[in-house]
Amino acid sequence: MGTRRPIRQRAASRRSPRGSQPRFGAYLREVRERRRMSDPRFSLRRVAQRILVQPAYLSQVERGNVAPPSEATIRRLARELGEDPDVLLALAGKVSGDLQAVIRRRPQLFAELLRSLRAAPAHAVLRLVREVRDGSW
């Protein structure tokens, strides 16, 4: 007869794979807690209420026990916490829907561009962004 794992271990083994989730959740919790230190409106319960999720769910997200929420929820979190939504989406392993649409229009071109920029220093990428944005290319 095999040995049985305690109930707590069995439950933990059924959880979602964690991937980038702990980093996303830990970052989220860190930002929220930092804001809570000076403003009680940033308690887990109050933030959850304002972004339209259950407090238990937000707690699970922050602990990395469930997959990151949808893009819409991440955007509400970003707005609530004063964070960049693209950064939170990236930490969650997601890409904004508007960026997906841009890439789908010219997938080969954007794939080549992104792979070319992978090793470029930040200042070079920033310069390219500015040139494109300002139309000086």
N, C-alpha and C. Protein backbone atom coordinates (compact mmCIF):
# COMPACT_ATOMS: atom_id res chain seq x y z
N MET A 1 0.84 -1.17 0.00
CA MET A 1 0.00 0.00 0.00
C MET A 1 0.89 1.23 0.00
N GLY A 2 0.65 2.20 -0.89
CA GLY A 2 1.45 3.42 -0.97
C GLY A 2 1.11 4.38 0.15
N THR A 3 2.03 5.26 0.40
CA THR A 3 1.77 6.26 1.45
C THR A 3 0.95 7.39 0.86
N ARG A 4 0.04 7.88 1.65
CA ARG A 4 -0.80 8.99 1.21
C ARG A 4 -0.17 10.31 1.61
N ARG A 5 -0.19 11.26 0.69
CA ARG A 5 0.30 12.59 1.02
C ARG A 5 -0.76 13.30 1.86
N PRO A 6 -0.33 14.18 2.74
CA PRO A 6 -1.31 14.96 3.50
C PRO A 6 -2.20 15.76 2.54
N ILE A 7 -3.41 16.07 3.00
CA ILE A 7 -4.38 16.80 2.17
C ILE A 7 -3.78 18.09 1.63
N ARG A 8 -3.05 18.82 2.45
CA ARG A 8 -2.47 20.09 2.03
C ARG A 8 -1.55 19.90 0.82
N GLN A 9 -0.73 18.84 0.82
CA GLN A 9 0.17 18.58 -0.30
C GLN A 9 -0.61 18.21 -1.55
N ARG A 10 -1.68 17.40 -1.40
CA ARG A 10 -2.47 17.01 -2.56
C ARG A 10 -3.11 18.24 -3.20
N ALA A 11 -3.65 19.13 -2.39
CA ALA A 11 -4.27 20.35 -2.93
C ALA A 11 -3.25 21.21 -3.65
N ALA A 12 -2.07 21.34 -3.06
CA ALA A 12 -1.03 22.17 -3.67
C ALA A 12 -0.60 21.60 -5.01
N SER A 13 -0.62 20.28 -5.16
CA SER A 13 -0.17 19.69 -6.42
C SER A 13 -1.17 19.90 -7.55
N ARG A 14 -2.42 20.27 -7.22
CA ARG A 14 -3.44 20.52 -8.25
C ARG A 14 -3.43 21.96 -8.74
N ARG A 15 -2.67 22.81 -8.12
CA ARG A 15 -2.64 24.22 -8.51
C ARG A 15 -2.06 24.39 -9.90
N SER A 16 -2.37 25.54 -10.48
CA SER A 16 -1.85 25.87 -11.81
C SER A 16 -0.33 25.94 -11.79
N PRO A 17 0.31 25.63 -12.93
CA PRO A 17 1.75 25.85 -13.00
C PRO A 17 2.03 27.32 -12.79
N ARG A 18 3.16 27.63 -12.18
CA ARG A 18 3.39 29.01 -11.74
C ARG A 18 4.08 29.89 -12.75
N GLY A 19 4.90 29.42 -13.64
CA GLY A 19 5.53 30.25 -14.66
C GLY A 19 5.93 31.62 -14.16
N SER A 20 5.42 32.68 -14.80
CA SER A 20 5.75 34.05 -14.41
C SER A 20 4.85 34.57 -13.31
N GLN A 21 3.91 33.75 -12.87
CA GLN A 21 2.92 34.20 -11.90
C GLN A 21 3.51 34.70 -10.59
N PRO A 22 4.46 34.01 -9.97
CA PRO A 22 4.98 34.53 -8.70
C PRO A 22 5.58 35.92 -8.86
N ARG A 23 6.27 36.16 -9.94
CA ARG A 23 6.87 37.47 -10.15
C ARG A 23 5.78 38.53 -10.31
N PHE A 24 4.75 38.24 -11.08
CA PHE A 24 3.64 39.15 -11.27
C PHE A 24 2.94 39.40 -9.94
N GLY A 25 2.57 38.33 -9.27
CA GLY A 25 1.86 38.45 -8.00
C GLY A 25 2.67 39.15 -6.93
N ALA A 26 3.94 38.81 -6.83
CA ALA A 26 4.80 39.44 -5.83
C ALA A 26 4.95 40.93 -6.10
N TYR A 27 5.10 41.28 -7.37
CA TYR A 27 5.22 42.69 -7.73
C TYR A 27 3.93 43.43 -7.38
N LEU A 28 2.83 42.83 -7.75
CA LEU A 28 1.53 43.42 -7.47
C LEU A 28 1.33 43.66 -5.98
N ARG A 29 1.64 42.65 -5.21
CA ARG A 29 1.48 42.76 -3.75
C ARG A 29 2.40 43.83 -3.18
N GLU A 30 3.63 43.85 -3.66
CA GLU A 30 4.60 44.85 -3.19
C GLU A 30 4.10 46.28 -3.45
N VAL A 31 3.60 46.51 -4.65
CA VAL A 31 3.09 47.84 -5.00
C VAL A 31 1.87 48.19 -4.15
N ARG A 32 0.94 47.25 -4.05
CA ARG A 32 -0.27 47.51 -3.27
C ARG A 32 0.05 47.76 -1.81
N GLU A 33 0.92 46.94 -1.23
CA GLU A 33 1.29 47.10 0.19
C GLU A 33 2.02 48.41 0.44
N ARG A 34 2.87 48.80 -0.49
CA ARG A 34 3.58 50.07 -0.36
C ARG A 34 2.59 51.24 -0.34
N ARG A 35 1.59 51.16 -1.19
CA ARG A 35 0.56 52.20 -1.22
C ARG A 35 -0.30 52.15 0.05
N ARG A 36 -0.55 50.94 0.55
CA ARG A 36 -1.39 50.76 1.74
C ARG A 36 -0.75 51.37 2.98
N MET A 37 0.57 51.40 3.03
CA MET A 37 1.26 51.95 4.20
C MET A 37 0.89 53.41 4.45
N SER A 38 0.60 54.13 3.39
CA SER A 38 0.24 55.54 3.56
C SER A 38 -1.24 55.80 3.29
N ASP A 39 -1.96 54.79 2.80
CA ASP A 39 -3.37 54.99 2.47
C ASP A 39 -4.14 53.68 2.65
N PRO A 40 -5.01 53.62 3.67
CA PRO A 40 -5.73 52.37 3.94
C PRO A 40 -6.68 51.95 2.82
N ARG A 41 -6.94 52.83 1.85
CA ARG A 41 -7.79 52.45 0.72
C ARG A 41 -7.14 51.37 -0.15
N PHE A 42 -5.86 51.08 0.09
CA PHE A 42 -5.17 50.08 -0.71
C PHE A 42 -5.07 48.73 -0.01
N SER A 43 -5.98 48.49 0.93
CA SER A 43 -6.05 47.15 1.51
C SER A 43 -6.48 46.19 0.41
N LEU A 44 -6.21 44.93 0.60
CA LEU A 44 -6.55 43.93 -0.40
C LEU A 44 -8.05 43.96 -0.69
N ARG A 45 -8.85 44.02 0.35
CA ARG A 45 -10.32 44.02 0.17
C ARG A 45 -10.80 45.22 -0.62
N ARG A 46 -10.29 46.38 -0.30
CA ARG A 46 -10.77 47.60 -0.98
C ARG A 46 -10.33 47.64 -2.43
N VAL A 47 -9.09 47.24 -2.68
CA VAL A 47 -8.61 47.22 -4.07
C VAL A 47 -9.43 46.20 -4.87
N ALA A 48 -9.63 45.03 -4.31
CA ALA A 48 -10.41 44.00 -5.00
C ALA A 48 -11.81 44.52 -5.34
N GLN A 49 -12.42 45.19 -4.40
CA GLN A 49 -13.75 45.74 -4.63
C GLN A 49 -13.73 46.74 -5.79
N ARG A 50 -12.74 47.61 -5.82
CA ARG A 50 -12.69 48.64 -6.88
C ARG A 50 -12.37 48.08 -8.26
N ILE A 51 -11.65 46.96 -8.29
CA ILE A 51 -11.33 46.38 -9.61
C ILE A 51 -12.29 45.25 -10.00
N LEU A 52 -13.32 45.08 -9.15
CA LEU A 52 -14.42 44.14 -9.45
C LEU A 52 -14.03 42.67 -9.43
N VAL A 53 -13.19 42.29 -8.45
CA VAL A 53 -12.87 40.88 -8.22
C VAL A 53 -13.07 40.57 -6.73
N GLN A 54 -13.13 39.29 -6.41
CA GLN A 54 -13.25 38.87 -5.03
C GLN A 54 -11.90 39.03 -4.32
N PRO A 55 -11.89 39.43 -3.05
CA PRO A 55 -10.63 39.55 -2.31
C PRO A 55 -9.84 38.24 -2.28
N ALA A 56 -10.53 37.13 -2.14
CA ALA A 56 -9.83 35.83 -2.11
C ALA A 56 -9.10 35.59 -3.43
N TYR A 57 -9.72 35.96 -4.53
CA TYR A 57 -9.09 35.79 -5.84
C TYR A 57 -7.85 36.68 -5.95
N LEU A 58 -7.97 37.95 -5.57
CA LEU A 58 -6.81 38.85 -5.64
C LEU A 58 -5.68 38.33 -4.76
N SER A 59 -6.02 37.80 -3.61
CA SER A 59 -5.01 37.22 -2.72
C SER A 59 -4.29 36.05 -3.39
N GLN A 60 -5.06 35.20 -4.05
CA GLN A 60 -4.47 34.05 -4.76
C GLN A 60 -3.56 34.53 -5.90
N VAL A 61 -3.97 35.58 -6.59
CA VAL A 61 -3.14 36.14 -7.67
C VAL A 61 -1.83 36.65 -7.08
N GLU A 62 -1.92 37.41 -6.00
CA GLU A 62 -0.72 37.98 -5.38
C GLU A 62 0.23 36.91 -4.88
N ARG A 63 -0.31 35.78 -4.46
CA ARG A 63 0.55 34.68 -3.98
C ARG A 63 1.03 33.77 -5.11
N GLY A 64 0.55 34.01 -6.34
CA GLY A 64 0.99 33.21 -7.47
C GLY A 64 0.34 31.85 -7.52
N ASN A 65 -0.79 31.68 -6.84
CA ASN A 65 -1.46 30.38 -6.80
C ASN A 65 -2.44 30.16 -7.93
N VAL A 66 -2.78 31.22 -8.64
CA VAL A 66 -3.67 31.12 -9.80
C VAL A 66 -3.04 31.91 -10.94
N ALA A 67 -3.51 31.63 -12.12
CA ALA A 67 -3.00 32.35 -13.30
C ALA A 67 -3.34 33.83 -13.18
N PRO A 68 -2.52 34.69 -13.77
CA PRO A 68 -2.84 36.11 -13.75
C PRO A 68 -4.21 36.36 -14.38
N PRO A 69 -4.86 37.44 -13.97
CA PRO A 69 -6.20 37.73 -14.48
C PRO A 69 -6.19 38.16 -15.94
N SER A 70 -7.36 38.45 -16.44
CA SER A 70 -7.54 38.88 -17.83
C SER A 70 -6.87 40.24 -18.07
N GLU A 71 -6.72 40.57 -19.34
CA GLU A 71 -6.14 41.86 -19.69
C GLU A 71 -6.96 43.00 -19.09
N ALA A 72 -8.29 42.89 -19.15
CA ALA A 72 -9.15 43.96 -18.63
C ALA A 72 -8.93 44.16 -17.13
N THR A 73 -8.80 43.07 -16.38
CA THR A 73 -8.58 43.17 -14.94
C THR A 73 -7.19 43.72 -14.65
N ILE A 74 -6.20 43.31 -15.42
CA ILE A 74 -4.85 43.83 -15.22
C ILE A 74 -4.83 45.33 -15.51
N ARG A 75 -5.56 45.77 -16.52
CA ARG A 75 -5.64 47.20 -16.81
C ARG A 75 -6.32 47.96 -15.67
N ARG A 76 -7.36 47.39 -15.06
CA ARG A 76 -8.00 48.04 -13.92
C ARG A 76 -7.03 48.11 -12.74
N LEU A 77 -6.28 47.03 -12.53
CA LEU A 77 -5.26 47.02 -11.46
C LEU A 77 -4.22 48.09 -11.70
N ALA A 78 -3.74 48.19 -12.93
CA ALA A 78 -2.72 49.19 -13.26
C ALA A 78 -3.24 50.59 -12.98
N ARG A 79 -4.46 50.86 -13.41
CA ARG A 79 -5.05 52.19 -13.19
C ARG A 79 -5.19 52.44 -11.68
N GLU A 80 -5.66 51.46 -10.96
CA GLU A 80 -5.88 51.59 -9.51
C GLU A 80 -4.58 51.84 -8.76
N LEU A 81 -3.51 51.15 -9.18
CA LEU A 81 -2.23 51.23 -8.47
C LEU A 81 -1.28 52.26 -9.06
N GLY A 82 -1.69 52.91 -10.14
CA GLY A 82 -0.82 53.90 -10.76
C GLY A 82 0.38 53.28 -11.46
N GLU A 83 0.18 52.11 -12.03
CA GLU A 83 1.25 51.40 -12.72
C GLU A 83 1.02 51.40 -14.23
N ASP A 84 2.07 51.14 -14.98
CA ASP A 84 1.98 51.05 -16.43
C ASP A 84 1.32 49.72 -16.79
N PRO A 85 0.20 49.73 -17.50
CA PRO A 85 -0.49 48.48 -17.82
C PRO A 85 0.37 47.53 -18.67
N ASP A 86 1.20 48.08 -19.56
CA ASP A 86 2.05 47.21 -20.39
C ASP A 86 3.07 46.47 -19.54
N VAL A 87 3.58 47.11 -18.49
CA VAL A 87 4.53 46.45 -17.59
C VAL A 87 3.83 45.32 -16.84
N LEU A 88 2.64 45.59 -16.30
CA LEU A 88 1.91 44.54 -15.58
C LEU A 88 1.54 43.39 -16.51
N LEU A 89 1.12 43.72 -17.72
CA LEU A 89 0.79 42.67 -18.69
C LEU A 89 2.02 41.81 -18.99
N ALA A 90 3.16 42.45 -19.17
CA ALA A 90 4.39 41.70 -19.46
C ALA A 90 4.76 40.80 -18.29
N LEU A 91 4.65 41.31 -17.07
CA LEU A 91 4.95 40.49 -15.89
C LEU A 91 4.00 39.30 -15.80
N ALA A 92 2.78 39.47 -16.31
CA ALA A 92 1.80 38.39 -16.29
C ALA A 92 1.98 37.44 -17.48
N GLY A 93 2.96 37.74 -18.34
CA GLY A 93 3.19 36.89 -19.50
C GLY A 93 2.20 37.13 -20.62
N LYS A 94 1.66 38.35 -20.68
CA LYS A 94 0.65 38.68 -21.68
C LYS A 94 1.10 39.86 -22.52
N VAL A 95 0.46 40.02 -23.67
CA VAL A 95 0.71 41.16 -24.54
C VAL A 95 -0.64 41.82 -24.79
N SER A 96 -0.65 43.13 -24.73
CA SER A 96 -1.86 43.91 -24.92
C SER A 96 -2.54 43.55 -26.25
N GLY A 97 -3.85 43.52 -26.23
CA GLY A 97 -4.62 43.19 -27.44
C GLY A 97 -4.34 44.12 -28.60
N ASP A 98 -4.13 45.42 -28.32
CA ASP A 98 -3.85 46.35 -29.42
C ASP A 98 -2.50 46.05 -30.05
N LEU A 99 -1.52 45.62 -29.25
CA LEU A 99 -0.21 45.26 -29.81
C LEU A 99 -0.31 43.96 -30.61
N GLN A 100 -1.11 43.03 -30.14
CA GLN A 100 -1.31 41.78 -30.89
C GLN A 100 -1.89 42.09 -32.27
N ALA A 101 -2.82 43.02 -32.33
CA ALA A 101 -3.43 43.39 -33.62
C ALA A 101 -2.39 43.99 -34.56
N VAL A 102 -1.51 44.83 -34.04
CA VAL A 102 -0.45 45.44 -34.85
C VAL A 102 0.47 44.35 -35.40
N ILE A 103 0.86 43.44 -34.56
CA ILE A 103 1.78 42.36 -34.97
C ILE A 103 1.12 41.45 -35.99
N ARG A 104 -0.16 41.16 -35.83
CA ARG A 104 -0.87 40.28 -36.76
C ARG A 104 -0.93 40.85 -38.18
N ARG A 105 -0.91 42.17 -38.30
CA ARG A 105 -0.96 42.78 -39.63
C ARG A 105 0.31 42.53 -40.43
N ARG A 106 1.45 42.49 -39.74
CA ARG A 106 2.74 42.26 -40.42
C ARG A 106 3.62 41.38 -39.53
N PRO A 107 3.24 40.14 -39.34
CA PRO A 107 3.94 39.28 -38.37
C PRO A 107 5.42 39.07 -38.65
N GLN A 108 5.79 38.82 -39.90
CA GLN A 108 7.20 38.58 -40.20
C GLN A 108 8.05 39.81 -39.93
N LEU A 109 7.55 40.94 -40.34
CA LEU A 109 8.29 42.19 -40.17
C LEU A 109 8.50 42.51 -38.69
N PHE A 110 7.43 42.39 -37.90
CA PHE A 110 7.56 42.70 -36.48
C PHE A 110 8.39 41.66 -35.73
N ALA A 111 8.29 40.40 -36.14
CA ALA A 111 9.12 39.36 -35.52
C ALA A 111 10.59 39.66 -35.78
N GLU A 112 10.92 40.02 -37.01
CA GLU A 112 12.31 40.35 -37.35
C GLU A 112 12.78 41.58 -36.57
N LEU A 113 11.92 42.60 -36.48
CA LEU A 113 12.27 43.82 -35.75
C LEU A 113 12.55 43.50 -34.28
N LEU A 114 11.65 42.79 -33.65
CA LEU A 114 11.81 42.48 -32.23
C LEU A 114 13.04 41.61 -31.97
N ARG A 115 13.29 40.64 -32.84
CA ARG A 115 14.48 39.80 -32.66
C ARG A 115 15.76 40.61 -32.87
N SER A 116 15.71 41.56 -33.77
CA SER A 116 16.88 42.43 -33.99
C SER A 116 17.14 43.32 -32.79
N LEU A 117 16.09 43.75 -32.12
CA LEU A 117 16.23 44.65 -30.97
C LEU A 117 16.54 43.92 -29.67
N ARG A 118 16.43 42.61 -29.68
CA ARG A 118 16.63 41.82 -28.46
C ARG A 118 17.94 42.14 -27.77
N ALA A 119 19.02 42.25 -28.51
CA ALA A 119 20.34 42.49 -27.91
C ALA A 119 20.74 43.97 -27.90
N ALA A 120 19.90 44.82 -28.47
CA ALA A 120 20.25 46.24 -28.54
C ALA A 120 20.19 46.87 -27.15
N PRO A 121 21.10 47.80 -26.87
CA PRO A 121 21.04 48.49 -25.57
C PRO A 121 19.79 49.37 -25.49
N ALA A 122 19.34 49.64 -24.29
CA ALA A 122 18.11 50.40 -24.06
C ALA A 122 18.14 51.76 -24.76
N HIS A 123 19.28 52.43 -24.72
CA HIS A 123 19.34 53.75 -25.34
C HIS A 123 19.12 53.69 -26.85
N ALA A 124 19.57 52.62 -27.48
CA ALA A 124 19.38 52.47 -28.93
C ALA A 124 17.90 52.22 -29.25
N VAL A 125 17.25 51.41 -28.45
CA VAL A 125 15.82 51.14 -28.64
C VAL A 125 15.03 52.42 -28.42
N LEU A 126 15.37 53.16 -27.38
CA LEU A 126 14.69 54.41 -27.08
C LEU A 126 14.85 55.41 -28.23
N ARG A 127 16.05 55.48 -28.78
CA ARG A 127 16.28 56.38 -29.91
C ARG A 127 15.41 55.99 -31.10
N LEU A 128 15.32 54.70 -31.38
CA LEU A 128 14.50 54.22 -32.48
C LEU A 128 13.02 54.56 -32.24
N VAL A 129 12.55 54.34 -31.02
CA VAL A 129 11.17 54.67 -30.67
C VAL A 129 10.89 56.14 -30.89
N ARG A 130 11.78 56.97 -30.43
CA ARG A 130 11.60 58.43 -30.59
C ARG A 130 11.59 58.83 -32.05
N GLU A 131 12.47 58.23 -32.84
CA GLU A 131 12.52 58.57 -34.27
C GLU A 131 11.22 58.20 -34.97
N VAL A 132 10.71 57.02 -34.66
CA VAL A 132 9.47 56.58 -35.27
C VAL A 132 8.30 57.44 -34.80
N ARG A 133 8.24 57.69 -33.50
CA ARG A 133 7.16 58.48 -32.93
C ARG A 133 7.15 59.90 -33.48
N ASP A 134 8.34 60.49 -33.61
CA ASP A 134 8.44 61.89 -34.07
C ASP A 134 8.40 62.02 -35.58
N GLY A 135 8.43 60.88 -36.27
CA GLY A 135 8.37 60.91 -37.73
C GLY A 135 9.65 61.38 -38.38
N SER A 136 10.78 61.31 -37.68
CA SER A 136 12.05 61.79 -38.24
C SER A 136 12.85 60.64 -38.85
N TRP A 137 12.20 59.71 -39.41
CA TRP A 137 12.89 58.58 -40.03
C TRP A 137 12.58 58.59 -41.48
